[in-house]
Amino acid sequence: MAVGVPAETQAQAHAQAQAQAHAQEAQAAVGPRPGPGAPQKEPNVWGQAIAAVALFGALGGALWVAPYVMPGDHTTPKPASCSDGEDEKLPKAYKETPRAVTGEELCKALNRPDLARLLGTPQETATSASSSNNTAALTDGKVAEPEAEVRFDTYTVNVSATYNKLTTAQYIRLKQLGGEQYVKTLTVLGRPAVFSSDHTMKFEINLGSGGTGGPVQQGPLARTLSVALDPKDRGGSYDFTVWSESGALPDDDVLLHIAEKVLPAIPERTVH
């Protein structure tokens, strides 16, 4: 005997069957749920370690490259450098004088990183460095006399080379005949040498009005150490001079130590 089912009950059963079917399809799409005894996935420890090493490597590389790509500290003044005068045409006297050096070579020898310390002013930086390939006065351009100069706030140092026939002994004699009171003889690196003092010359050039400026005036006192070009004193000398605008001078030992450092750096060669 057939038993009848109410229409409402049949509709509810049909809806429940459809909902269960949809739930099974969704579960199949995302995969099975882990059971209560399924282990949880542990973090990848080796992967984290490798990532950390890569991060530190990147930071280290950035720190190493930063000084080259980031703007530098422009507050610290750079020391003055010698101008490049290698292309300058030398006077004839330089080609005819054995062992003649150029002003550029003298400047490179004088402009030492420790020059300020040798002067007793280690906190200072050179404000200018220059050189020239001159010839001695009153020689009609026949005697080479290169020179170089380095300026600091306190002192100015000049070195020149004179390739004449005047020996150190003759120079000392001339100073004594002239009444020079501050002449002191000594030997520097096996070469005859002499300390002497003289005033610098100061003059002005008026570029605005086109005039020649005022007369030459006497400048501050300078101290000079003249060292023979060679131990046999066959003529010529290297002259190391220091002065300051205030008139103050360092001890003679200061100039002596500068000469002992600079002389070995001056090239001894023959110019053809």
Protein backbone atom coordinates (compact mmCIF):
# COMPACT_ATOMS: atom_id res chain seq x y z
CA MET A 1 0.00 0.00 0.00
CA ALA A 2 1.40 3.30 -1.01
CA VAL A 3 1.92 5.86 1.66
CA GLY A 4 1.52 9.47 0.59
CA VAL A 5 4.17 12.16 1.46
CA PRO A 6 3.07 15.75 1.82
CA ALA A 7 4.31 18.05 -1.01
CA GLU A 8 5.90 20.43 1.53
CA THR A 9 7.99 17.61 3.02
CA GLN A 10 9.19 16.53 -0.42
CA ALA A 11 10.31 20.10 -1.28
CA GLN A 12 12.34 20.35 1.97
CA ALA A 13 14.06 17.03 1.31
CA HIS A 14 14.94 18.10 -2.22
CA ALA A 15 16.45 21.41 -1.00
CA GLN A 16 18.56 19.62 1.65
CA ALA A 17 19.93 17.22 -0.98
CA GLN A 18 20.96 20.14 -3.27
CA ALA A 19 22.69 21.98 -0.39
CA GLN A 20 24.63 18.85 0.58
CA ALA A 21 25.74 18.38 -3.03
CA HIS A 22 27.02 21.97 -3.28
CA ALA A 23 28.96 21.58 0.00
CA GLN A 24 30.66 18.42 -1.28
CA GLU A 25 31.70 20.21 -4.51
CA ALA A 26 33.24 23.14 -2.55
CA GLN A 27 35.13 20.77 -0.26
CA ALA A 28 36.57 18.93 -3.25
CA ALA A 29 37.80 22.23 -4.75
CA VAL A 30 39.79 23.36 -1.67
CA GLY A 31 41.08 19.94 -0.68
CA PRO A 32 40.44 17.83 2.38
CA ARG A 33 40.46 19.40 5.79
CA PRO A 34 43.27 18.30 8.06
CA GLY A 35 42.14 15.86 10.66
CA PRO A 36 42.55 16.45 14.34
CA GLY A 37 45.78 14.38 14.31
CA ALA A 38 47.32 15.98 11.19
CA PRO A 39 50.65 17.85 11.94
CA GLN A 40 50.84 21.60 11.29
CA LYS A 41 53.39 22.75 8.64
CA GLU A 42 56.57 24.13 10.36
CA PRO A 43 58.20 27.41 9.15
CA ASN A 44 61.16 26.95 6.73
CA VAL A 45 64.10 27.70 9.06
CA TRP A 46 66.76 27.39 6.33
CA GLY A 47 64.83 29.72 4.07
CA GLN A 48 64.66 32.35 6.81
CA ALA A 49 68.40 32.03 7.47
CA ILE A 50 69.25 32.46 3.79
CA ALA A 51 66.95 35.48 3.55
CA ALA A 52 68.65 37.06 6.60
CA VAL A 53 72.12 36.53 5.13
CA ALA A 54 70.98 38.07 1.85
CA LEU A 55 69.57 41.07 3.72
CA PHE A 56 72.80 41.71 5.63
CA GLY A 57 74.78 41.32 2.41
CA ALA A 58 72.62 43.92 0.71
CA LEU A 59 73.01 46.32 3.64
CA GLY A 60 76.78 45.80 3.65
CA GLY A 61 76.98 46.47 -0.07
CA ALA A 62 74.94 49.63 0.33
CA LEU A 63 77.25 50.88 3.09
CA TRP A 64 80.32 50.14 0.93
CA VAL A 65 78.92 51.89 -2.14
CA ALA A 66 77.41 54.84 -0.26
CA PRO A 67 80.62 56.95 -0.05
CA TYR A 68 80.94 56.76 -3.84
CA VAL A 69 77.36 57.64 -4.74
CA MET A 70 76.24 59.89 -1.88
CA PRO A 71 77.25 63.57 -1.75
CA GLY A 72 80.47 64.11 0.21
CA ASP A 73 81.12 66.43 3.09
CA HIS A 74 82.03 69.71 1.43
CA THR A 75 82.69 71.51 4.70
CA THR A 76 86.29 70.23 4.97
CA PRO A 77 88.62 72.27 2.73
CA LYS A 78 90.76 70.28 0.33
CA PRO A 79 94.51 70.93 0.32
CA ALA A 80 95.83 73.02 -2.55
CA SER A 81 97.41 71.09 -5.40
CA CYS A 82 100.19 72.13 -7.75
CA SER A 83 99.04 73.30 -11.16
CA ASP A 84 99.97 71.13 -14.09
CA GLY A 85 102.77 72.94 -15.92
CA GLU A 86 104.21 70.01 -17.83
CA ASP A 87 103.03 71.42 -21.17
CA GLU A 88 104.63 74.82 -20.51
CA LYS A 89 107.49 75.63 -22.82
CA LEU A 90 110.69 75.88 -20.80
CA PRO A 91 113.15 78.72 -21.33
CA LYS A 92 116.32 77.83 -23.20
CA ALA A 93 118.36 78.01 -19.98
CA TYR A 94 116.64 74.86 -18.67
CA LYS A 95 117.70 72.79 -21.66
CA GLU A 96 121.28 73.99 -21.41
CA THR A 97 121.66 73.54 -17.64
CA PRO A 98 122.67 70.12 -16.27
CA ARG A 99 120.39 68.79 -13.50
CA ALA A 100 117.87 71.60 -13.88
CA VAL A 101 114.44 70.86 -12.45
CA THR A 102 111.15 72.57 -13.23
CA GLY A 103 108.98 74.63 -10.94
CA GLU A 104 106.33 71.92 -11.16
CA GLU A 105 108.78 69.34 -9.81
CA LEU A 106 109.77 71.65 -6.96
CA CYS A 107 106.12 72.23 -6.13
CA LYS A 108 105.35 68.51 -5.96
CA ALA A 109 108.34 67.98 -3.66
CA LEU A 110 107.42 70.91 -1.38
CA ASN A 111 103.66 70.41 -1.17
CA ARG A 112 103.91 67.46 1.20
CA PRO A 113 100.94 66.16 3.22
CA ASP A 114 102.95 66.75 6.42
CA LEU A 115 104.20 70.25 5.54
CA ALA A 116 101.80 71.96 7.96
CA ARG A 117 102.95 69.66 10.75
CA LEU A 118 106.60 70.41 9.94
CA LEU A 119 105.79 74.12 10.20
CA GLY A 120 104.28 73.57 13.66
CA THR A 121 100.71 74.32 12.50
CA PRO A 122 99.24 70.82 11.96
CA GLN A 123 95.65 72.08 12.04
CA GLU A 124 96.12 74.21 8.91
CA THR A 125 95.54 73.30 5.26
CA ALA A 126 97.45 74.80 2.35
CA THR A 127 95.44 77.61 0.78
CA SER A 128 97.45 77.80 -2.45
CA ALA A 129 100.33 76.11 -4.24
CA SER A 130 102.07 77.54 -7.28
CA SER A 131 105.23 77.25 -9.35
CA SER A 132 107.09 79.05 -12.12
CA ASN A 133 109.98 78.40 -14.49
CA ASN A 134 111.86 81.66 -14.15
CA THR A 135 115.37 82.72 -14.99
CA ALA A 136 117.63 84.60 -12.57
CA ALA A 137 117.53 88.38 -12.65
CA LEU A 138 120.28 90.26 -14.47
CA THR A 139 121.40 87.12 -16.35
CA ASP A 140 119.68 87.84 -19.68
CA GLY A 141 117.69 84.61 -19.31
CA LYS A 142 120.81 82.44 -19.21
CA VAL A 143 120.47 81.08 -15.65
CA ALA A 144 117.55 78.83 -14.76
CA GLU A 145 115.82 79.68 -11.48
CA PRO A 146 112.61 77.65 -10.98
CA GLU A 147 110.60 78.14 -7.82
CA ALA A 148 107.54 76.87 -5.99
CA GLU A 149 105.45 78.30 -3.17
CA VAL A 150 102.91 76.88 -0.72
CA ARG A 151 100.80 79.21 1.41
CA PHE A 152 99.12 78.58 4.75
CA ASP A 153 97.18 80.94 6.99
CA THR A 154 100.20 81.36 9.26
CA TYR A 155 103.29 80.83 7.09
CA THR A 156 104.33 80.86 3.46
CA VAL A 157 107.09 78.51 2.28
CA ASN A 158 109.07 79.01 -0.91
CA VAL A 159 111.74 76.83 -2.50
CA SER A 160 113.83 77.85 -5.48
CA ALA A 161 116.82 76.45 -7.34
CA THR A 162 119.52 78.69 -8.79
CA TYR A 163 121.92 77.19 -11.31
CA ASN A 164 124.68 79.77 -11.21
CA LYS A 165 128.39 79.45 -10.43
CA LEU A 166 128.18 81.08 -7.00
CA THR A 167 129.37 78.62 -4.35
CA THR A 168 128.02 78.52 -0.81
CA ALA A 169 131.41 79.66 0.51
CA GLN A 170 131.32 82.71 -1.79
CA TYR A 171 127.73 83.44 -0.81
CA ILE A 172 128.63 83.39 2.89
CA ARG A 173 131.51 85.75 2.21
CA LEU A 174 129.19 88.20 0.41
CA LYS A 175 126.74 88.13 3.31
CA GLN A 176 129.48 88.83 5.81
CA LEU A 177 130.82 91.72 3.72
CA GLY A 178 127.30 93.11 3.58
CA GLY A 179 127.04 93.19 7.36
CA GLU A 180 124.54 90.37 7.66
CA GLN A 181 124.29 89.54 11.37
CA TYR A 182 122.12 86.44 11.23
CA VAL A 183 124.33 84.21 9.08
CA LYS A 184 124.73 80.67 10.40
CA THR A 185 126.65 77.96 8.57
CA LEU A 186 125.86 74.25 8.77
CA THR A 187 125.76 71.05 6.73
CA VAL A 188 122.50 69.60 5.35
CA LEU A 189 122.52 66.04 4.04
CA GLY A 190 126.26 66.28 3.46
CA ARG A 191 126.03 69.61 1.60
CA PRO A 192 127.35 73.02 2.72
CA ALA A 193 124.48 75.28 3.79
CA VAL A 194 123.86 78.67 5.37
CA PHE A 195 121.00 80.43 7.16
CA SER A 196 120.39 84.09 6.35
CA SER A 197 117.66 86.68 6.80
CA ASP A 198 116.27 89.35 4.54
CA HIS A 199 113.06 91.30 4.03
CA THR A 200 110.58 90.32 1.38
CA MET A 201 109.39 92.86 -1.16
CA LYS A 202 105.77 93.94 -1.35
CA PHE A 203 104.13 95.76 -4.24
CA GLU A 204 100.62 96.38 -5.50
CA ILE A 205 99.21 96.13 -9.00
CA ASN A 206 96.15 98.25 -9.72
CA LEU A 207 94.19 96.37 -12.36
CA GLY A 208 91.18 98.68 -12.23
CA SER A 209 92.67 101.98 -13.35
CA GLY A 210 95.27 100.50 -15.66
CA GLY A 211 98.10 101.95 -13.60
CA THR A 212 101.21 100.14 -12.49
CA GLY A 213 100.41 100.46 -8.79
CA GLY A 214 102.43 101.94 -5.99
CA PRO A 215 106.14 101.70 -5.33
CA VAL A 216 107.82 98.55 -4.10
CA GLN A 217 107.73 98.38 -0.32
CA GLN A 218 109.65 96.38 2.24
CA GLY A 219 107.71 93.33 3.35
CA PRO A 220 108.03 91.15 6.45
CA LEU A 221 111.32 89.54 7.43
CA ALA A 222 112.02 86.14 5.87
CA ARG A 223 114.40 83.38 6.91
CA THR A 224 116.25 81.44 4.20
CA LEU A 225 118.23 78.21 4.28
CA SER A 226 120.51 77.94 1.22
CA VAL A 227 121.84 74.45 0.48
CA ALA A 228 124.49 73.70 -2.15
CA LEU A 229 123.30 71.72 -5.16
CA ASP A 230 125.90 69.03 -4.46
CA PRO A 231 128.32 68.08 -1.67
CA LYS A 232 131.31 69.41 -3.65
CA ASP A 233 129.75 72.92 -3.71
CA ARG A 234 130.46 73.56 -7.39
CA GLY A 235 127.95 76.40 -7.63
CA GLY A 236 124.22 76.96 -7.35
CA SER A 237 121.85 76.28 -4.49
CA TYR A 238 118.42 75.28 -3.31
CA ASP A 239 116.93 78.09 -1.25
CA PHE A 240 114.20 77.35 1.32
CA THR A 241 112.47 80.49 2.58
CA VAL A 242 109.69 80.98 5.13
CA TRP A 243 107.86 84.12 6.26
CA SER A 244 104.54 85.32 7.65
CA GLU A 245 102.48 88.44 7.22
CA SER A 246 102.70 89.05 10.97
CA GLY A 247 106.50 89.01 10.82
CA ALA A 248 106.77 86.00 13.14
CA LEU A 249 109.21 83.28 12.10
CA PRO A 250 109.54 79.65 13.19
CA ASP A 251 112.75 78.31 14.69
CA ASP A 252 115.60 77.51 12.32
CA ASP A 253 115.11 73.82 13.11
CA VAL A 254 111.73 73.99 11.37
CA LEU A 255 113.26 75.15 8.10
CA LEU A 256 116.05 72.61 8.48
CA HIS A 257 113.60 69.72 8.87
CA ILE A 258 111.63 70.89 5.83
CA ALA A 259 114.81 70.96 3.74
CA GLU A 260 115.79 67.48 4.93
CA LYS A 261 112.40 66.13 3.85
CA VAL A 262 112.06 67.99 0.55
CA LEU A 263 115.59 67.68 -0.85
CA PRO A 264 115.45 63.89 -1.39
CA ALA A 265 112.15 64.33 -3.26
CA ILE A 266 113.62 66.76 -5.80
CA PRO A 267 114.64 64.79 -8.92
CA GLU A 268 118.31 64.94 -9.78
CA ARG A 269 118.49 64.61 -13.54
CA THR A 270 120.00 66.09 -16.65
CA VAL A 271 117.75 67.97 -19.05
CA HIS A 272 118.62 67.50 -22.74
